């Protein structure tokens, strides 16, 4: 919990929300000046911005209960459903798509583990899971923000996906102009 003790919950949460907002504004700008006419990237960045803005625990009136971690898990799965819906409607994807889906799945797994540890097991003592959660979620959020801006496969997730799923017919569109 070093990061939350050093920065506080609100500043880390605000940083993620601000980052997704800036990624969305960047994609709107790039779309309007006709550098990248990619509606999938624009919609993905809008979905991520809206998800992180509404799931910010500053808005407690949207909470289903007192468990913040369970709320974040539900928001992650709803966001995944929205992203997949856009994929099925558009029938194309970008390099950022797999990063967003993978990041949201990892974040949801970490959030549900924290929920289980704190609310079901009743643990109140900080241990390694709490630090893995804090660093993991914030690093993954930062990676998702960066990938929405640069729209590149900089970690090689598409190569890894193609290695495991050789017959995959779903390829990201090449929009590197």
N, C-alpha and C. Protein backbone atom coordinates (compact mmCIF):
# COMPACT_ATOMS: atom_id res chain seq x y z
N UNK A 1 0.81 -1.18 0.00
CA UNK A 1 0.00 0.00 0.00
C UNK A 1 0.86 1.26 0.00
N UNK A 2 2.11 1.12 -0.43
CA UNK A 2 3.03 2.24 -0.44
C UNK A 2 2.51 3.39 -1.30
N UNK A 3 2.01 3.06 -2.49
CA UNK A 3 1.54 4.10 -3.40
C UNK A 3 0.38 4.88 -2.81
N UNK A 4 -0.57 4.16 -2.22
CA UNK A 4 -1.72 4.86 -1.66
C UNK A 4 -1.35 5.66 -0.42
N UNK A 5 -0.37 5.18 0.33
CA UNK A 5 0.07 5.96 1.49
C UNK A 5 0.83 7.20 1.04
N UNK A 6 1.58 7.09 -0.05
CA UNK A 6 2.37 8.20 -0.51
C UNK A 6 1.52 9.23 -1.26
N UNK A 7 0.68 8.75 -2.18
CA UNK A 7 -0.11 9.64 -3.01
C UNK A 7 -1.54 9.84 -2.50
N UNK A 8 -2.09 8.87 -1.82
CA UNK A 8 -3.48 8.94 -1.39
C UNK A 8 -4.39 8.32 -2.43
N UNK A 9 -5.56 7.87 -1.98
CA UNK A 9 -6.50 7.23 -2.90
C UNK A 9 -7.01 8.20 -3.95
N UNK A 10 -7.32 9.42 -3.56
CA UNK A 10 -7.95 10.34 -4.49
C UNK A 10 -7.01 10.75 -5.62
N UNK A 11 -5.74 10.95 -5.33
CA UNK A 11 -4.84 11.38 -6.39
C UNK A 11 -4.56 10.26 -7.39
N UNK A 12 -4.45 9.00 -6.93
CA UNK A 12 -4.26 7.89 -7.86
C UNK A 12 -5.50 7.67 -8.70
N UNK A 13 -6.65 7.75 -8.10
CA UNK A 13 -7.90 7.60 -8.82
C UNK A 13 -8.09 8.75 -9.82
N UNK A 14 -7.79 9.95 -9.38
CA UNK A 14 -7.92 11.11 -10.26
C UNK A 14 -6.92 11.03 -11.41
N UNK A 15 -5.72 10.52 -11.15
CA UNK A 15 -4.74 10.37 -12.22
C UNK A 15 -5.23 9.43 -13.31
N UNK A 16 -5.81 8.30 -12.92
CA UNK A 16 -6.32 7.35 -13.91
C UNK A 16 -7.48 7.96 -14.69
N UNK A 17 -8.40 8.59 -14.00
CA UNK A 17 -9.53 9.22 -14.69
C UNK A 17 -9.05 10.32 -15.63
N UNK A 18 -8.11 11.13 -15.16
CA UNK A 18 -7.57 12.20 -15.99
C UNK A 18 -6.84 11.62 -17.20
N UNK A 19 -6.08 10.55 -17.00
CA UNK A 19 -5.35 9.93 -18.10
C UNK A 19 -6.27 9.41 -19.19
N UNK A 20 -7.35 8.75 -18.80
CA UNK A 20 -8.29 8.26 -19.81
C UNK A 20 -9.05 9.41 -20.48
N UNK A 21 -9.30 10.47 -19.74
CA UNK A 21 -9.93 11.65 -20.34
C UNK A 21 -9.00 12.27 -21.38
N UNK A 22 -7.72 12.39 -21.05
CA UNK A 22 -6.76 12.96 -22.00
C UNK A 22 -6.57 12.05 -23.22
N UNK A 23 -6.59 10.73 -23.01
CA UNK A 23 -6.49 9.80 -24.14
C UNK A 23 -7.70 9.96 -25.06
N UNK A 24 -8.87 10.14 -24.47
CA UNK A 24 -10.07 10.35 -25.28
C UNK A 24 -9.98 11.67 -26.04
N UNK A 25 -9.57 12.75 -25.37
CA UNK A 25 -9.43 14.04 -26.05
C UNK A 25 -8.39 13.97 -27.16
N UNK A 26 -7.30 13.25 -26.92
CA UNK A 26 -6.28 13.09 -27.95
C UNK A 26 -6.86 12.37 -29.17
N UNK A 27 -7.62 11.31 -28.94
CA UNK A 27 -8.21 10.57 -30.05
C UNK A 27 -9.27 11.38 -30.78
N UNK A 28 -10.01 12.22 -30.06
CA UNK A 28 -10.96 13.12 -30.72
C UNK A 28 -10.21 14.10 -31.62
N UNK A 29 -9.12 14.64 -31.08
CA UNK A 29 -8.31 15.58 -31.85
C UNK A 29 -7.74 14.93 -33.10
N UNK A 30 -7.15 13.76 -32.96
CA UNK A 30 -6.55 13.05 -34.09
C UNK A 30 -7.62 12.67 -35.11
N UNK A 31 -8.79 12.33 -34.63
CA UNK A 31 -9.89 11.97 -35.53
C UNK A 31 -10.36 13.19 -36.31
N UNK A 32 -10.48 14.34 -35.64
CA UNK A 32 -11.00 15.53 -36.31
C UNK A 32 -10.02 16.14 -37.30
N UNK A 33 -8.72 16.01 -37.07
CA UNK A 33 -7.77 16.55 -38.05
C UNK A 33 -7.44 15.53 -39.14
N UNK A 34 -8.11 14.41 -39.10
CA UNK A 34 -8.05 13.39 -40.14
C UNK A 34 -6.68 12.72 -40.26
N UNK A 35 -5.98 12.58 -39.15
CA UNK A 35 -4.73 11.83 -39.14
C UNK A 35 -5.04 10.34 -39.04
N UNK A 36 -5.91 10.00 -38.11
CA UNK A 36 -6.38 8.62 -37.95
C UNK A 36 -7.89 8.66 -37.91
N UNK A 37 -8.51 8.15 -38.94
CA UNK A 37 -9.97 8.07 -38.96
C UNK A 37 -10.37 6.69 -38.46
N UNK A 38 -10.15 6.46 -37.18
CA UNK A 38 -10.40 5.16 -36.60
C UNK A 38 -11.49 5.28 -35.55
N UNK A 39 -12.71 4.92 -35.92
CA UNK A 39 -13.81 5.04 -34.98
C UNK A 39 -13.72 4.03 -33.85
N UNK A 40 -13.09 2.89 -34.11
CA UNK A 40 -12.96 1.89 -33.06
C UNK A 40 -12.08 2.41 -31.93
N UNK A 41 -10.98 3.04 -32.26
CA UNK A 41 -10.10 3.62 -31.25
C UNK A 41 -10.79 4.75 -30.51
N UNK A 42 -11.53 5.56 -31.23
CA UNK A 42 -12.27 6.66 -30.62
C UNK A 42 -13.34 6.13 -29.66
N UNK A 43 -14.08 5.13 -30.08
CA UNK A 43 -15.11 4.55 -29.21
C UNK A 43 -14.49 3.84 -28.00
N UNK A 44 -13.38 3.15 -28.21
CA UNK A 44 -12.71 2.47 -27.10
C UNK A 44 -12.22 3.47 -26.07
N UNK A 45 -11.64 4.57 -26.53
CA UNK A 45 -11.16 5.57 -25.58
C UNK A 45 -12.33 6.25 -24.88
N UNK A 46 -13.46 6.43 -25.56
CA UNK A 46 -14.63 7.00 -24.91
C UNK A 46 -15.18 6.06 -23.84
N UNK A 47 -15.25 4.77 -24.16
CA UNK A 47 -15.76 3.78 -23.20
C UNK A 47 -14.86 3.73 -21.97
N UNK A 48 -13.55 3.73 -22.17
CA UNK A 48 -12.63 3.69 -21.03
C UNK A 48 -12.74 4.96 -20.20
N UNK A 49 -12.84 6.11 -20.85
CA UNK A 49 -12.99 7.37 -20.13
C UNK A 49 -14.28 7.39 -19.32
N UNK A 50 -15.37 6.97 -19.94
CA UNK A 50 -16.66 6.96 -19.24
C UNK A 50 -16.65 5.96 -18.09
N UNK A 51 -16.04 4.81 -18.30
CA UNK A 51 -15.99 3.79 -17.25
C UNK A 51 -15.20 4.27 -16.04
N UNK A 52 -14.03 4.82 -16.30
CA UNK A 52 -13.20 5.27 -15.17
C UNK A 52 -13.77 6.52 -14.51
N UNK A 53 -14.46 7.35 -15.26
CA UNK A 53 -15.07 8.53 -14.65
C UNK A 53 -16.24 8.14 -13.74
N UNK A 54 -17.04 7.18 -14.18
CA UNK A 54 -18.19 6.78 -13.36
C UNK A 54 -17.82 5.82 -12.24
N UNK A 55 -16.73 5.08 -12.41
CA UNK A 55 -16.36 4.13 -11.36
C UNK A 55 -15.45 4.74 -10.31
N UNK A 56 -15.12 5.99 -10.45
CA UNK A 56 -14.31 6.67 -9.44
C UNK A 56 -15.08 6.64 -8.13
N UNK A 57 -14.44 6.18 -7.07
CA UNK A 57 -15.19 6.01 -5.82
C UNK A 57 -15.51 7.33 -5.14
N UNK A 58 -15.18 8.42 -5.78
CA UNK A 58 -15.66 9.73 -5.33
C UNK A 58 -17.18 9.81 -5.49
N UNK A 59 -17.70 9.08 -6.50
CA UNK A 59 -19.14 9.03 -6.75
C UNK A 59 -19.75 7.86 -6.00
N UNK A 60 -19.97 7.99 -4.72
CA UNK A 60 -20.49 6.89 -3.92
C UNK A 60 -21.96 6.62 -4.21
N UNK A 61 -22.65 7.54 -4.84
CA UNK A 61 -24.06 7.34 -5.12
C UNK A 61 -24.27 6.30 -6.22
N UNK A 62 -23.21 5.92 -6.96
CA UNK A 62 -23.32 4.88 -7.96
C UNK A 62 -22.94 3.50 -7.42
N UNK A 63 -22.57 3.44 -6.16
CA UNK A 63 -22.09 2.20 -5.58
C UNK A 63 -23.25 1.26 -5.25
N UNK A 64 -23.00 -0.05 -5.43
CA UNK A 64 -24.04 -1.02 -5.10
C UNK A 64 -23.99 -1.41 -3.64
N UNK A 65 -22.95 -1.05 -2.96
CA UNK A 65 -22.80 -1.40 -1.55
C UNK A 65 -21.62 -0.67 -0.95
N UNK A 66 -21.10 -1.22 0.10
CA UNK A 66 -19.96 -0.58 0.75
C UNK A 66 -18.63 -1.15 0.26
N UNK A 67 -18.66 -2.10 -0.63
CA UNK A 67 -17.45 -2.75 -1.12
C UNK A 67 -16.97 -2.08 -2.41
N UNK A 68 -15.95 -1.27 -2.29
CA UNK A 68 -15.41 -0.58 -3.45
C UNK A 68 -14.80 -1.57 -4.44
N UNK A 69 -14.12 -2.58 -3.96
CA UNK A 69 -13.45 -3.54 -4.84
C UNK A 69 -14.45 -4.34 -5.67
N UNK A 70 -15.56 -4.71 -5.09
CA UNK A 70 -16.59 -5.42 -5.84
C UNK A 70 -17.19 -4.50 -6.90
N UNK A 71 -17.40 -3.24 -6.55
CA UNK A 71 -17.89 -2.27 -7.53
C UNK A 71 -16.94 -2.17 -8.71
N UNK A 72 -15.64 -2.06 -8.43
CA UNK A 72 -14.67 -1.94 -9.51
C UNK A 72 -14.62 -3.20 -10.36
N UNK A 73 -14.81 -4.35 -9.77
CA UNK A 73 -14.85 -5.59 -10.55
C UNK A 73 -16.05 -5.58 -11.50
N UNK A 74 -17.19 -5.16 -10.99
CA UNK A 74 -18.38 -5.09 -11.84
C UNK A 74 -18.20 -4.08 -12.95
N UNK A 75 -17.64 -2.91 -12.64
CA UNK A 75 -17.37 -1.91 -13.67
C UNK A 75 -16.40 -2.44 -14.73
N UNK A 76 -15.40 -3.19 -14.31
CA UNK A 76 -14.47 -3.76 -15.29
C UNK A 76 -15.17 -4.72 -16.23
N UNK A 77 -16.02 -5.58 -15.70
CA UNK A 77 -16.73 -6.53 -16.57
C UNK A 77 -17.74 -5.84 -17.47
N UNK A 78 -18.40 -4.81 -16.98
CA UNK A 78 -19.32 -4.04 -17.83
C UNK A 78 -18.55 -3.34 -18.94
N UNK A 79 -17.40 -2.80 -18.60
CA UNK A 79 -16.55 -2.15 -19.60
C UNK A 79 -16.09 -3.15 -20.65
N UNK A 80 -15.72 -4.35 -20.23
CA UNK A 80 -15.33 -5.39 -21.19
C UNK A 80 -16.50 -5.71 -22.12
N UNK A 81 -17.70 -5.81 -21.57
CA UNK A 81 -18.88 -6.08 -22.41
C UNK A 81 -19.11 -4.97 -23.43
N UNK A 82 -18.95 -3.71 -23.01
CA UNK A 82 -19.10 -2.60 -23.95
C UNK A 82 -18.03 -2.64 -25.04
N UNK A 83 -16.79 -2.91 -24.67
CA UNK A 83 -15.72 -2.98 -25.66
C UNK A 83 -15.96 -4.11 -26.66
N UNK A 84 -16.39 -5.26 -26.16
CA UNK A 84 -16.67 -6.38 -27.06
C UNK A 84 -17.87 -6.08 -27.96
N UNK A 85 -18.85 -5.38 -27.42
CA UNK A 85 -20.00 -4.97 -28.24
C UNK A 85 -19.57 -4.06 -29.38
N UNK A 86 -18.71 -3.11 -29.09
CA UNK A 86 -18.19 -2.22 -30.14
C UNK A 86 -17.42 -3.03 -31.18
N UNK A 87 -16.66 -4.01 -30.71
CA UNK A 87 -15.92 -4.86 -31.65
C UNK A 87 -16.87 -5.61 -32.58
N UNK A 88 -17.95 -6.17 -32.04
CA UNK A 88 -18.88 -6.92 -32.88
C UNK A 88 -19.69 -6.01 -33.80
N UNK A 89 -19.92 -4.79 -33.40
CA UNK A 89 -20.64 -3.85 -34.27
C UNK A 89 -19.72 -3.35 -35.38
N UNK A 90 -18.49 -2.97 -35.02
CA UNK A 90 -17.55 -2.41 -36.00
C UNK A 90 -16.88 -3.47 -36.87
N UNK A 91 -16.76 -4.68 -36.36
CA UNK A 91 -16.10 -5.80 -37.05
C UNK A 91 -14.62 -5.52 -37.34
N UNK A 92 -14.02 -4.63 -36.57
CA UNK A 92 -12.59 -4.40 -36.68
C UNK A 92 -12.07 -3.96 -35.32
N UNK A 93 -10.77 -4.06 -35.17
CA UNK A 93 -10.16 -3.73 -33.90
C UNK A 93 -8.88 -2.95 -34.13
N UNK A 94 -8.30 -2.51 -33.05
CA UNK A 94 -7.03 -1.78 -33.11
C UNK A 94 -6.03 -2.52 -32.23
N UNK A 95 -4.76 -2.17 -32.32
CA UNK A 95 -3.78 -2.81 -31.43
C UNK A 95 -4.09 -2.59 -29.96
N UNK A 96 -4.79 -1.53 -29.63
CA UNK A 96 -5.09 -1.24 -28.23
C UNK A 96 -6.16 -2.17 -27.65
N UNK A 97 -6.96 -2.80 -28.48
CA UNK A 97 -8.09 -3.59 -28.02
C UNK A 97 -7.66 -4.73 -27.09
N UNK A 98 -6.67 -5.50 -27.49
CA UNK A 98 -6.24 -6.62 -26.66
C UNK A 98 -5.61 -6.14 -25.36
N UNK A 99 -4.96 -4.98 -25.39
CA UNK A 99 -4.39 -4.41 -24.17
C UNK A 99 -5.50 -4.00 -23.20
N UNK A 100 -6.55 -3.41 -23.72
CA UNK A 100 -7.66 -2.98 -22.87
C UNK A 100 -8.37 -4.17 -22.24
N UNK A 101 -8.66 -5.17 -23.05
CA UNK A 101 -9.35 -6.36 -22.54
C UNK A 101 -8.47 -7.09 -21.51
N UNK A 102 -7.20 -7.29 -21.84
CA UNK A 102 -6.29 -7.97 -20.92
C UNK A 102 -6.11 -7.18 -19.63
N UNK A 103 -5.93 -5.88 -19.75
CA UNK A 103 -5.77 -5.03 -18.57
C UNK A 103 -6.99 -5.04 -17.67
N UNK A 104 -8.17 -4.96 -18.28
CA UNK A 104 -9.40 -4.98 -17.48
C UNK A 104 -9.62 -6.33 -16.80
N UNK A 105 -9.27 -7.41 -17.48
CA UNK A 105 -9.41 -8.73 -16.86
C UNK A 105 -8.46 -8.87 -15.67
N UNK A 106 -7.21 -8.45 -15.85
CA UNK A 106 -6.24 -8.53 -14.74
C UNK A 106 -6.68 -7.63 -13.59
N UNK A 107 -7.14 -6.41 -13.91
CA UNK A 107 -7.62 -5.51 -12.85
C UNK A 107 -8.81 -6.11 -12.10
N UNK A 108 -9.70 -6.76 -12.83
CA UNK A 108 -10.88 -7.33 -12.17
C UNK A 108 -10.49 -8.52 -11.29
N UNK A 109 -9.53 -9.30 -11.73
CA UNK A 109 -9.05 -10.42 -10.90
C UNK A 109 -8.40 -9.90 -9.62
N UNK A 110 -7.58 -8.87 -9.75
CA UNK A 110 -6.95 -8.28 -8.57
C UNK A 110 -7.99 -7.65 -7.64
N UNK A 111 -9.00 -6.99 -8.22
CA UNK A 111 -10.04 -6.37 -7.39
C UNK A 111 -10.87 -7.41 -6.65
N UNK A 112 -11.22 -8.49 -7.31
CA UNK A 112 -12.02 -9.52 -6.65
C UNK A 112 -11.18 -10.23 -5.59
N UNK A 113 -9.87 -10.35 -5.81
CA UNK A 113 -9.00 -10.93 -4.79
C UNK A 113 -8.94 -10.01 -3.57
N UNK A 114 -8.88 -8.71 -3.78
CA UNK A 114 -8.88 -7.76 -2.66
C UNK A 114 -10.22 -7.80 -1.93
N UNK A 115 -11.31 -7.90 -2.68
CA UNK A 115 -12.64 -7.99 -2.05
C UNK A 115 -12.71 -9.24 -1.18
N UNK A 116 -12.25 -10.35 -1.72
CA UNK A 116 -12.27 -11.60 -0.96
C UNK A 116 -11.42 -11.48 0.30
N UNK A 117 -10.24 -10.91 0.16
CA UNK A 117 -9.32 -10.81 1.30
C UNK A 117 -9.86 -9.88 2.38
N UNK A 118 -10.41 -8.75 2.00
CA UNK A 118 -10.83 -7.75 3.00
C UNK A 118 -12.23 -8.02 3.52
N UNK A 119 -13.19 -8.28 2.63
CA UNK A 119 -14.58 -8.36 3.04
C UNK A 119 -15.05 -9.76 3.41
N UNK A 120 -14.50 -10.78 2.78
CA UNK A 120 -14.94 -12.14 3.09
C UNK A 120 -14.04 -12.76 4.15
N UNK A 121 -12.73 -12.65 3.97
CA UNK A 121 -11.79 -13.19 4.97
C UNK A 121 -11.64 -12.27 6.18
N UNK A 122 -11.96 -11.00 6.01
CA UNK A 122 -11.87 -10.06 7.13
C UNK A 122 -10.45 -9.63 7.46
N UNK A 123 -9.54 -9.75 6.52
CA UNK A 123 -8.15 -9.37 6.77
C UNK A 123 -8.01 -7.85 6.81
N UNK A 124 -7.35 -7.35 7.82
CA UNK A 124 -7.12 -5.91 7.96
C UNK A 124 -5.64 -5.57 8.02
N UNK A 125 -4.79 -6.56 7.84
CA UNK A 125 -3.35 -6.37 7.91
C UNK A 125 -2.79 -6.39 6.48
N UNK A 126 -2.03 -5.37 6.15
CA UNK A 126 -1.43 -5.27 4.83
C UNK A 126 -0.44 -6.41 4.60
N UNK A 127 -0.54 -7.03 3.43
CA UNK A 127 0.39 -8.08 3.06
C UNK A 127 0.67 -7.96 1.56
N UNK A 128 1.38 -8.90 0.98
CA UNK A 128 1.88 -8.79 -0.39
C UNK A 128 0.77 -8.60 -1.41
N UNK A 129 -0.39 -9.20 -1.23
CA UNK A 129 -1.49 -9.03 -2.18
C UNK A 129 -1.88 -7.57 -2.30
N UNK A 130 -1.88 -6.86 -1.21
CA UNK A 130 -2.26 -5.45 -1.24
C UNK A 130 -1.27 -4.63 -2.05
N UNK A 131 0.00 -4.94 -1.92
CA UNK A 131 1.02 -4.23 -2.70
C UNK A 131 0.96 -4.62 -4.18
N UNK A 132 0.75 -5.91 -4.45
CA UNK A 132 0.60 -6.36 -5.84
C UNK A 132 -0.60 -5.67 -6.47
N UNK A 133 -1.70 -5.58 -5.72
CA UNK A 133 -2.89 -4.90 -6.22
C UNK A 133 -2.59 -3.43 -6.53
N UNK A 134 -1.99 -2.74 -5.59
CA UNK A 134 -1.75 -1.31 -5.75
C UNK A 134 -0.84 -1.02 -6.93
N UNK A 135 0.31 -1.70 -7.00
CA UNK A 135 1.23 -1.48 -8.11
C UNK A 135 0.66 -2.03 -9.41
N UNK A 136 0.06 -3.21 -9.36
CA UNK A 136 -0.45 -3.84 -10.57
C UNK A 136 -1.54 -3.03 -11.25
N UNK A 137 -2.53 -2.63 -10.50
CA UNK A 137 -3.65 -1.89 -11.07
C UNK A 137 -3.18 -0.55 -11.64
N UNK A 138 -2.32 0.14 -10.92
CA UNK A 138 -1.86 1.45 -11.41
C UNK A 138 -0.95 1.34 -12.61
N UNK A 139 -0.11 0.33 -12.66
CA UNK A 139 0.75 0.13 -13.83
C UNK A 139 -0.09 -0.29 -15.03
N UNK A 140 -1.06 -1.16 -14.82
CA UNK A 140 -1.93 -1.59 -15.92
C UNK A 140 -2.76 -0.42 -16.43
N UNK A 141 -3.27 0.40 -15.52
CA UNK A 141 -4.01 1.60 -15.95
C UNK A 141 -3.12 2.51 -16.79
N UNK A 142 -1.90 2.70 -16.37
CA UNK A 142 -0.97 3.55 -17.13
C UNK A 142 -0.69 2.95 -18.51
N UNK A 143 -0.51 1.64 -18.57
CA UNK A 143 -0.28 0.98 -19.86
C UNK A 143 -1.50 1.15 -20.77
N UNK A 144 -2.70 1.02 -20.22
CA UNK A 144 -3.91 1.18 -21.03
C UNK A 144 -4.04 2.62 -21.53
N UNK A 145 -3.67 3.60 -20.71
CA UNK A 145 -3.72 4.99 -21.13
C UNK A 145 -2.72 5.22 -22.27
N UNK A 146 -1.50 4.73 -22.12
CA UNK A 146 -0.47 4.90 -23.13
C UNK A 146 -0.88 4.22 -24.44
N UNK A 147 -1.43 3.02 -24.35
CA UNK A 147 -1.78 2.29 -25.57
C UNK A 147 -2.95 2.96 -26.30
N UNK A 148 -3.82 3.64 -25.58
CA UNK A 148 -4.88 4.39 -26.26
C UNK A 148 -4.34 5.61 -26.99
N UNK A 149 -3.22 6.12 -26.53
CA UNK A 149 -2.62 7.28 -27.19
C UNK A 149 -1.73 6.85 -28.36
N UNK A 150 -0.83 5.91 -28.14
CA UNK A 150 0.12 5.53 -29.20
C UNK A 150 -0.46 4.49 -30.15
N UNK A 151 -1.40 3.68 -29.70
CA UNK A 151 -2.06 2.66 -30.51
C UNK A 151 -1.05 1.76 -31.22
N UNK A 152 -0.13 1.24 -30.45
CA UNK A 152 0.89 0.34 -30.96
C UNK A 152 0.98 -0.89 -30.06
N UNK A 153 1.49 -1.97 -30.61
CA UNK A 153 1.70 -3.20 -29.85
C UNK A 153 3.11 -3.18 -29.28
N UNK A 154 3.34 -2.34 -28.27
CA UNK A 154 4.69 -2.15 -27.77
C UNK A 154 5.14 -3.21 -26.79
N UNK A 155 4.25 -4.03 -26.27
CA UNK A 155 4.64 -5.13 -25.39
C UNK A 155 4.62 -6.49 -26.08
N UNK A 156 4.19 -6.51 -27.33
CA UNK A 156 4.16 -7.75 -28.09
C UNK A 156 3.01 -8.68 -27.75
N UNK A 157 1.90 -8.15 -27.25
CA UNK A 157 0.76 -9.01 -26.91
C UNK A 157 0.13 -9.64 -28.15
N UNK A 158 0.15 -8.94 -29.28
CA UNK A 158 -0.42 -9.52 -30.49
C UNK A 158 0.44 -10.66 -31.01
N UNK A 159 1.75 -10.54 -30.89
CA UNK A 159 2.63 -11.65 -31.28
C UNK A 159 2.39 -12.85 -30.38
N UNK A 160 2.21 -12.59 -29.09
CA UNK A 160 1.93 -13.67 -28.14
C UNK A 160 0.59 -14.32 -28.44
N UNK A 161 -0.42 -13.51 -28.74
CA UNK A 161 -1.73 -14.03 -29.09
C UNK A 161 -1.66 -14.88 -30.35
N UNK A 162 -0.95 -14.40 -31.36
CA UNK A 162 -0.83 -15.15 -32.61
C UNK A 162 -0.04 -16.44 -32.43
N UNK A 163 0.88 -16.46 -31.47
CA UNK A 163 1.64 -17.66 -31.20
C UNK A 163 0.76 -18.75 -30.59
N UNK A 164 -0.14 -18.34 -29.68
CA UNK A 164 -1.02 -19.31 -29.02
C UNK A 164 -2.25 -19.64 -29.85
N UNK A 165 -2.77 -18.68 -30.59
CA UNK A 165 -3.96 -18.88 -31.41
C UNK A 165 -3.58 -18.69 -32.87
N UNK A 166 -2.98 -19.72 -33.46
CA UNK A 166 -2.45 -19.61 -34.81
C UNK A 166 -3.55 -19.41 -35.86
N UNK A 167 -4.71 -19.93 -35.62
CA UNK A 167 -5.79 -19.82 -36.59
C UNK A 167 -6.67 -18.62 -36.38
N UNK A 168 -6.23 -17.65 -35.61
CA UNK A 168 -7.06 -16.49 -35.31
C UNK A 168 -7.25 -15.65 -36.56
N UNK A 169 -8.50 -15.44 -36.93
CA UNK A 169 -8.82 -14.64 -38.11
C UNK A 169 -8.98 -13.16 -37.76
N UNK A 170 -8.95 -12.84 -36.49
CA UNK A 170 -9.14 -11.46 -36.06
C UNK A 170 -7.79 -10.79 -35.97
N UNK A 171 -7.55 -9.87 -36.85
CA UNK A 171 -6.29 -9.14 -36.85
C UNK A 171 -6.60 -7.65 -36.65
N UNK A 172 -5.75 -6.96 -35.93
CA UNK A 172 -5.99 -5.52 -35.80
C UNK A 172 -5.73 -4.82 -37.11
N UNK A 173 -6.48 -3.75 -37.34
CA UNK A 173 -6.26 -3.01 -38.58
C UNK A 173 -4.94 -2.26 -38.46
N UNK A 174 -4.28 -2.14 -39.58
CA UNK A 174 -2.98 -1.45 -39.58
C UNK A 174 -3.22 0.00 -39.90
N UNK A 175 -3.19 0.83 -38.89
CA UNK A 175 -3.45 2.24 -39.10
C UNK A 175 -2.26 3.08 -38.67
N UNK A 176 -1.08 2.58 -38.91
CA UNK A 176 0.13 3.29 -38.52
C UNK A 176 0.53 4.22 -39.64
N UNK A 177 -0.03 5.41 -39.62
CA UNK A 177 0.30 6.35 -40.70
C UNK A 177 1.28 7.39 -40.25
